[in-house]
Amino acid sequence: MGHSVRVLVKGGSGEACGEAVRVDRPISLLGDIDVEVGAVKGVGKTFVGRILVLPHLIGSTVGPYVLYGMSQMGRAPRAIVLEKADILAITASVLARVPLVEAPINMFVDGKRYCIDLASGDVKAEP
């Protein structure tokens, strides 16, 4: 693939690798997430250990605590890709220690594996 993204929250070091779970609508961390399984309601698959790809987040200040709680239970995504991140998305990622990057979501194909270098922002699609 050979594209780069803007890394906003590293959430660790190295790479964030996983299958992309792309949702083409904004979601609320409070109302649109099934925290028991780590999935976006209505999407039909979990994002636990995967890269969650969204246009942006919507919702209130409670959302960051939802992601934090999921990370404490081992149900957080490996990374989050947003086209447009806001202060609540950044806060959520910092609290949960989940990498957050900004990139056009059309860079990511649902179900395909990617690795995001958290230092450089380079993105590689895996075969």
N, C-alpha and C. Protein backbone atom coordinates (compact mmCIF):
# COMPACT_ATOMS: atom_id res chain seq x y z
N MET A 1 0.84 -1.18 0.00
CA MET A 1 0.00 0.00 0.00
C MET A 1 0.88 1.24 0.00
N GLY A 2 1.79 1.37 0.97
CA GLY A 2 2.77 2.43 0.96
C GLY A 2 2.26 3.83 1.23
N HIS A 3 1.17 3.99 1.96
CA HIS A 3 0.67 5.31 2.32
C HIS A 3 1.07 5.65 3.74
N SER A 4 0.93 6.92 4.09
CA SER A 4 1.20 7.35 5.46
C SER A 4 -0.04 7.97 6.06
N VAL A 5 -0.13 7.86 7.38
CA VAL A 5 -1.23 8.44 8.14
C VAL A 5 -0.64 9.36 9.20
N ARG A 6 -1.48 10.16 9.80
CA ARG A 6 -1.06 11.06 10.87
C ARG A 6 -1.33 10.36 12.21
N VAL A 7 -0.26 10.01 12.92
CA VAL A 7 -0.40 9.35 14.21
C VAL A 7 -0.64 10.42 15.28
N LEU A 8 -1.80 10.35 15.93
CA LEU A 8 -2.15 11.31 16.97
C LEU A 8 -1.85 10.79 18.37
N VAL A 9 -2.10 9.50 18.58
CA VAL A 9 -1.81 8.85 19.87
C VAL A 9 -1.11 7.54 19.55
N LYS A 10 0.11 7.38 20.04
CA LYS A 10 0.86 6.15 19.76
C LYS A 10 0.31 4.97 20.55
N GLY A 11 -0.09 5.18 21.77
CA GLY A 11 -0.66 4.09 22.56
C GLY A 11 0.31 2.96 22.83
N GLY A 12 1.54 3.14 22.53
CA GLY A 12 2.57 2.12 22.70
C GLY A 12 3.68 2.38 21.70
N SER A 13 4.42 1.35 21.39
CA SER A 13 5.50 1.52 20.42
C SER A 13 5.40 0.42 19.38
N GLY A 14 6.16 0.60 18.33
CA GLY A 14 6.18 -0.42 17.29
C GLY A 14 5.09 -0.22 16.26
N GLU A 15 4.35 -1.29 16.01
CA GLU A 15 3.33 -1.28 14.98
C GLU A 15 1.98 -1.68 15.57
N ALA A 16 0.95 -1.20 14.93
CA ALA A 16 -0.41 -1.66 15.21
C ALA A 16 -0.85 -2.44 13.99
N CYS A 17 -0.95 -3.74 14.14
CA CYS A 17 -1.31 -4.61 13.02
C CYS A 17 -2.62 -5.32 13.30
N GLY A 18 -3.42 -5.47 12.27
CA GLY A 18 -4.66 -6.21 12.42
C GLY A 18 -5.56 -6.05 11.23
N GLU A 19 -6.63 -6.81 11.26
CA GLU A 19 -7.65 -6.74 10.22
C GLU A 19 -8.46 -5.45 10.39
N ALA A 20 -8.75 -4.78 9.30
CA ALA A 20 -9.57 -3.57 9.34
C ALA A 20 -11.05 -3.93 9.51
N VAL A 21 -11.69 -3.26 10.44
CA VAL A 21 -13.14 -3.32 10.59
C VAL A 21 -13.63 -1.92 10.25
N ARG A 22 -14.10 -1.77 9.02
CA ARG A 22 -14.48 -0.44 8.53
C ARG A 22 -15.98 -0.24 8.66
N VAL A 23 -16.34 0.86 9.28
CA VAL A 23 -17.74 1.26 9.44
C VAL A 23 -17.86 2.63 8.77
N ASP A 24 -18.71 2.75 7.78
CA ASP A 24 -18.78 3.98 6.98
C ASP A 24 -19.71 5.04 7.54
N ARG A 25 -20.01 4.94 8.82
CA ARG A 25 -20.82 5.98 9.47
C ARG A 25 -20.18 6.31 10.82
N PRO A 26 -20.38 7.53 11.29
CA PRO A 26 -19.85 7.86 12.62
C PRO A 26 -20.59 7.08 13.70
N ILE A 27 -19.90 6.79 14.80
CA ILE A 27 -20.52 6.06 15.89
C ILE A 27 -20.30 6.78 17.21
N SER A 28 -21.13 6.45 18.18
CA SER A 28 -20.97 6.91 19.55
C SER A 28 -20.38 5.77 20.36
N LEU A 29 -19.32 6.04 21.09
CA LEU A 29 -18.74 5.00 21.94
C LEU A 29 -19.71 4.58 23.04
N LEU A 30 -20.59 5.48 23.43
CA LEU A 30 -21.54 5.17 24.50
C LEU A 30 -22.73 4.36 23.99
N GLY A 31 -23.31 4.72 22.86
CA GLY A 31 -24.55 4.07 22.44
C GLY A 31 -24.44 3.04 21.33
N ASP A 32 -23.36 3.08 20.55
CA ASP A 32 -23.27 2.21 19.37
C ASP A 32 -22.33 1.02 19.55
N ILE A 33 -21.78 0.86 20.74
CA ILE A 33 -20.82 -0.21 21.01
C ILE A 33 -21.43 -1.26 21.93
N ASP A 34 -21.26 -2.52 21.57
CA ASP A 34 -21.59 -3.62 22.47
C ASP A 34 -20.32 -3.94 23.24
N VAL A 35 -20.22 -3.43 24.47
CA VAL A 35 -18.99 -3.56 25.25
C VAL A 35 -18.72 -4.99 25.68
N GLU A 36 -19.74 -5.83 25.73
CA GLU A 36 -19.54 -7.22 26.16
C GLU A 36 -18.76 -8.04 25.15
N VAL A 37 -18.90 -7.72 23.87
CA VAL A 37 -18.19 -8.47 22.83
C VAL A 37 -17.17 -7.63 22.07
N GLY A 38 -17.18 -6.30 22.29
CA GLY A 38 -16.26 -5.43 21.58
C GLY A 38 -16.61 -5.32 20.11
N ALA A 39 -17.83 -4.85 19.84
CA ALA A 39 -18.29 -4.74 18.46
C ALA A 39 -19.18 -3.53 18.29
N VAL A 40 -19.23 -3.00 17.07
CA VAL A 40 -20.18 -1.94 16.74
C VAL A 40 -21.53 -2.62 16.51
N LYS A 41 -22.55 -2.14 17.19
CA LYS A 41 -23.88 -2.72 17.04
C LYS A 41 -24.32 -2.63 15.58
N GLY A 42 -24.85 -3.74 15.07
CA GLY A 42 -25.34 -3.77 13.70
C GLY A 42 -24.31 -4.10 12.65
N VAL A 43 -23.04 -4.20 13.02
CA VAL A 43 -21.99 -4.49 12.05
C VAL A 43 -21.76 -6.00 11.93
N GLY A 44 -21.89 -6.71 13.02
CA GLY A 44 -21.82 -8.16 12.95
C GLY A 44 -20.47 -8.80 13.17
N LYS A 45 -19.43 -8.01 13.49
CA LYS A 45 -18.15 -8.63 13.83
C LYS A 45 -17.42 -7.78 14.85
N THR A 46 -16.60 -8.47 15.63
CA THR A 46 -15.87 -7.80 16.69
C THR A 46 -14.70 -6.98 16.14
N PHE A 47 -14.32 -5.95 16.89
CA PHE A 47 -13.12 -5.18 16.54
C PHE A 47 -12.00 -5.43 17.54
N VAL A 48 -12.20 -6.34 18.47
CA VAL A 48 -11.17 -6.64 19.47
C VAL A 48 -9.91 -7.13 18.77
N GLY A 49 -8.79 -6.45 19.04
CA GLY A 49 -7.52 -6.82 18.42
C GLY A 49 -7.42 -6.46 16.95
N ARG A 50 -8.38 -5.74 16.43
CA ARG A 50 -8.39 -5.32 15.03
C ARG A 50 -8.28 -3.81 14.94
N ILE A 51 -8.22 -3.30 13.73
CA ILE A 51 -8.13 -1.86 13.50
C ILE A 51 -9.52 -1.35 13.15
N LEU A 52 -10.07 -0.52 14.02
CA LEU A 52 -11.41 0.04 13.83
C LEU A 52 -11.28 1.30 12.99
N VAL A 53 -11.97 1.34 11.85
CA VAL A 53 -11.87 2.43 10.88
C VAL A 53 -13.23 3.11 10.77
N LEU A 54 -13.26 4.43 11.04
CA LEU A 54 -14.52 5.21 11.08
C LEU A 54 -14.30 6.60 10.50
N PRO A 55 -15.40 7.24 10.05
CA PRO A 55 -15.26 8.65 9.64
C PRO A 55 -14.90 9.54 10.83
N HIS A 56 -15.66 9.42 11.92
CA HIS A 56 -15.39 10.16 13.15
C HIS A 56 -16.30 9.62 14.26
N LEU A 57 -16.05 10.07 15.47
CA LEU A 57 -16.88 9.69 16.60
C LEU A 57 -17.90 10.77 16.89
N ILE A 58 -19.03 10.37 17.45
CA ILE A 58 -20.03 11.31 17.91
C ILE A 58 -20.35 10.95 19.36
N GLY A 59 -20.96 11.86 20.06
CA GLY A 59 -21.37 11.53 21.42
C GLY A 59 -20.82 12.48 22.45
N SER A 60 -20.95 12.03 23.68
CA SER A 60 -20.66 12.89 24.82
C SER A 60 -19.32 12.56 25.47
N THR A 61 -19.08 13.21 26.58
CA THR A 61 -17.83 13.05 27.31
C THR A 61 -17.72 11.70 28.02
N VAL A 62 -18.77 10.91 28.03
CA VAL A 62 -18.71 9.58 28.65
C VAL A 62 -17.99 8.59 27.74
N GLY A 63 -17.99 8.84 26.44
CA GLY A 63 -17.38 7.93 25.47
C GLY A 63 -15.96 7.49 25.79
N PRO A 64 -15.07 8.41 26.17
CA PRO A 64 -13.71 7.98 26.50
C PRO A 64 -13.65 6.93 27.61
N TYR A 65 -14.55 7.03 28.57
CA TYR A 65 -14.55 6.06 29.66
C TYR A 65 -15.05 4.69 29.20
N VAL A 66 -15.88 4.67 28.18
CA VAL A 66 -16.33 3.40 27.61
C VAL A 66 -15.14 2.68 26.98
N LEU A 67 -14.36 3.40 26.18
CA LEU A 67 -13.18 2.78 25.56
C LEU A 67 -12.17 2.37 26.62
N TYR A 68 -11.98 3.19 27.64
CA TYR A 68 -11.06 2.84 28.73
C TYR A 68 -11.51 1.54 29.40
N GLY A 69 -12.79 1.44 29.71
CA GLY A 69 -13.32 0.22 30.34
C GLY A 69 -13.12 -1.00 29.47
N MET A 70 -13.33 -0.83 28.16
CA MET A 70 -13.13 -1.94 27.24
C MET A 70 -11.67 -2.37 27.22
N SER A 71 -10.75 -1.40 27.28
CA SER A 71 -9.33 -1.76 27.28
C SER A 71 -8.97 -2.52 28.55
N GLN A 72 -9.58 -2.14 29.66
CA GLN A 72 -9.31 -2.84 30.92
C GLN A 72 -9.84 -4.27 30.90
N MET A 73 -10.86 -4.52 30.11
CA MET A 73 -11.44 -5.86 29.98
C MET A 73 -10.83 -6.65 28.82
N GLY A 74 -9.86 -6.05 28.11
CA GLY A 74 -9.25 -6.73 26.97
C GLY A 74 -10.11 -6.77 25.74
N ARG A 75 -11.01 -5.77 25.60
CA ARG A 75 -11.95 -5.77 24.47
C ARG A 75 -11.80 -4.54 23.57
N ALA A 76 -10.67 -3.90 23.61
CA ALA A 76 -10.45 -2.69 22.80
C ALA A 76 -9.91 -3.05 21.43
N PRO A 77 -10.07 -2.15 20.46
CA PRO A 77 -9.43 -2.38 19.16
C PRO A 77 -7.92 -2.23 19.28
N ARG A 78 -7.21 -2.79 18.33
CA ARG A 78 -5.74 -2.66 18.31
C ARG A 78 -5.34 -1.23 17.98
N ALA A 79 -6.14 -0.56 17.16
CA ALA A 79 -5.93 0.84 16.80
C ALA A 79 -7.25 1.39 16.27
N ILE A 80 -7.35 2.71 16.24
CA ILE A 80 -8.52 3.39 15.68
C ILE A 80 -8.04 4.34 14.60
N VAL A 81 -8.69 4.27 13.45
CA VAL A 81 -8.43 5.18 12.34
C VAL A 81 -9.67 6.03 12.16
N LEU A 82 -9.50 7.35 12.21
CA LEU A 82 -10.59 8.29 11.98
C LEU A 82 -10.20 9.26 10.88
N GLU A 83 -11.18 9.63 10.05
CA GLU A 83 -10.91 10.70 9.07
C GLU A 83 -10.73 12.02 9.79
N LYS A 84 -11.51 12.21 10.84
CA LYS A 84 -11.46 13.47 11.58
C LYS A 84 -11.53 13.16 13.07
N ALA A 85 -10.43 13.35 13.76
CA ALA A 85 -10.40 13.12 15.21
C ALA A 85 -10.70 14.43 15.94
N ASP A 86 -11.36 14.31 17.08
CA ASP A 86 -11.61 15.48 17.92
C ASP A 86 -11.01 15.22 19.30
N ILE A 87 -11.17 16.17 20.19
CA ILE A 87 -10.56 16.07 21.52
C ILE A 87 -11.09 14.86 22.29
N LEU A 88 -12.36 14.49 22.10
CA LEU A 88 -12.89 13.32 22.81
C LEU A 88 -12.28 12.02 22.28
N ALA A 89 -12.05 11.94 20.98
CA ALA A 89 -11.41 10.75 20.41
C ALA A 89 -9.97 10.64 20.92
N ILE A 90 -9.28 11.76 20.97
CA ILE A 90 -7.91 11.76 21.47
C ILE A 90 -7.88 11.37 22.95
N THR A 91 -8.79 11.94 23.73
CA THR A 91 -8.88 11.61 25.15
C THR A 91 -9.16 10.13 25.35
N ALA A 92 -10.09 9.59 24.59
CA ALA A 92 -10.44 8.17 24.69
C ALA A 92 -9.21 7.30 24.41
N SER A 93 -8.48 7.63 23.35
CA SER A 93 -7.31 6.84 22.98
C SER A 93 -6.19 6.92 24.01
N VAL A 94 -5.99 8.11 24.56
CA VAL A 94 -4.96 8.26 25.59
C VAL A 94 -5.33 7.45 26.83
N LEU A 95 -6.58 7.59 27.29
CA LEU A 95 -7.01 6.84 28.48
C LEU A 95 -6.89 5.33 28.28
N ALA A 96 -7.28 4.85 27.11
CA ALA A 96 -7.32 3.42 26.83
C ALA A 96 -5.98 2.88 26.31
N ARG A 97 -5.06 3.78 26.01
CA ARG A 97 -3.77 3.40 25.41
C ARG A 97 -3.96 2.65 24.10
N VAL A 98 -4.88 3.17 23.30
CA VAL A 98 -5.16 2.61 21.98
C VAL A 98 -4.63 3.59 20.94
N PRO A 99 -3.76 3.15 20.03
CA PRO A 99 -3.27 4.07 18.99
C PRO A 99 -4.43 4.69 18.19
N LEU A 100 -4.26 5.98 17.88
CA LEU A 100 -5.25 6.72 17.10
C LEU A 100 -4.54 7.42 15.96
N VAL A 101 -5.07 7.23 14.75
CA VAL A 101 -4.49 7.89 13.58
C VAL A 101 -5.60 8.55 12.78
N GLU A 102 -5.21 9.59 12.06
CA GLU A 102 -6.11 10.26 11.11
C GLU A 102 -5.71 9.86 9.71
N ALA A 103 -6.70 9.45 8.93
CA ALA A 103 -6.46 9.06 7.54
C ALA A 103 -7.80 8.95 6.83
N PRO A 104 -7.81 9.09 5.51
CA PRO A 104 -9.04 8.83 4.77
C PRO A 104 -9.43 7.35 4.94
N ILE A 105 -10.69 7.11 5.28
CA ILE A 105 -11.07 5.71 5.53
C ILE A 105 -11.06 4.87 4.26
N ASN A 106 -11.10 5.51 3.09
CA ASN A 106 -11.06 4.72 1.85
C ASN A 106 -9.68 4.11 1.60
N MET A 107 -8.69 4.44 2.45
CA MET A 107 -7.38 3.77 2.39
C MET A 107 -7.47 2.34 2.89
N PHE A 108 -8.54 2.03 3.65
CA PHE A 108 -8.65 0.75 4.32
C PHE A 108 -9.84 -0.04 3.79
N VAL A 109 -9.58 -1.29 3.45
CA VAL A 109 -10.62 -2.20 2.95
C VAL A 109 -11.04 -3.09 4.11
N ASP A 110 -12.34 -3.15 4.35
CA ASP A 110 -12.87 -3.99 5.42
C ASP A 110 -12.41 -5.43 5.24
N GLY A 111 -11.87 -6.01 6.31
CA GLY A 111 -11.44 -7.40 6.27
C GLY A 111 -10.00 -7.63 5.86
N LYS A 112 -9.33 -6.62 5.33
CA LYS A 112 -7.93 -6.75 4.92
C LYS A 112 -7.02 -6.41 6.10
N ARG A 113 -5.86 -7.08 6.20
CA ARG A 113 -4.91 -6.82 7.28
C ARG A 113 -3.95 -5.69 6.91
N TYR A 114 -3.67 -4.85 7.91
CA TYR A 114 -2.75 -3.72 7.75
C TYR A 114 -1.81 -3.66 8.94
N CYS A 115 -0.66 -3.04 8.71
CA CYS A 115 0.26 -2.68 9.78
C CYS A 115 0.53 -1.18 9.69
N ILE A 116 0.35 -0.50 10.81
CA ILE A 116 0.61 0.94 10.89
C ILE A 116 1.83 1.13 11.77
N ASP A 117 2.88 1.71 11.21
CA ASP A 117 4.08 2.02 11.98
C ASP A 117 3.77 3.25 12.84
N LEU A 118 3.79 3.09 14.15
CA LEU A 118 3.37 4.16 15.05
C LEU A 118 4.39 5.28 15.17
N ALA A 119 5.61 5.07 14.71
CA ALA A 119 6.62 6.13 14.72
C ALA A 119 6.55 6.98 13.45
N SER A 120 6.46 6.32 12.30
CA SER A 120 6.50 7.03 11.02
C SER A 120 5.13 7.32 10.43
N GLY A 121 4.13 6.52 10.82
CA GLY A 121 2.80 6.65 10.23
C GLY A 121 2.65 5.87 8.93
N ASP A 122 3.68 5.14 8.53
CA ASP A 122 3.59 4.34 7.31
C ASP A 122 2.59 3.20 7.49
N VAL A 123 1.78 2.99 6.45
CA VAL A 123 0.78 1.93 6.46
C VAL A 123 1.11 0.93 5.36
N LYS A 124 1.11 -0.35 5.74
CA LYS A 124 1.34 -1.40 4.77
C LYS A 124 0.21 -2.40 4.84
N ALA A 125 -0.30 -2.74 3.67
CA ALA A 125 -1.31 -3.81 3.59
C ALA A 125 -0.56 -5.13 3.57
N GLU A 126 -1.08 -6.08 4.33
CA GLU A 126 -0.47 -7.41 4.34
C GLU A 126 -1.16 -8.27 3.30
N PRO A 127 -0.40 -9.17 2.66
CA PRO A 127 -1.00 -10.04 1.63
C PRO A 127 -2.01 -11.01 2.21
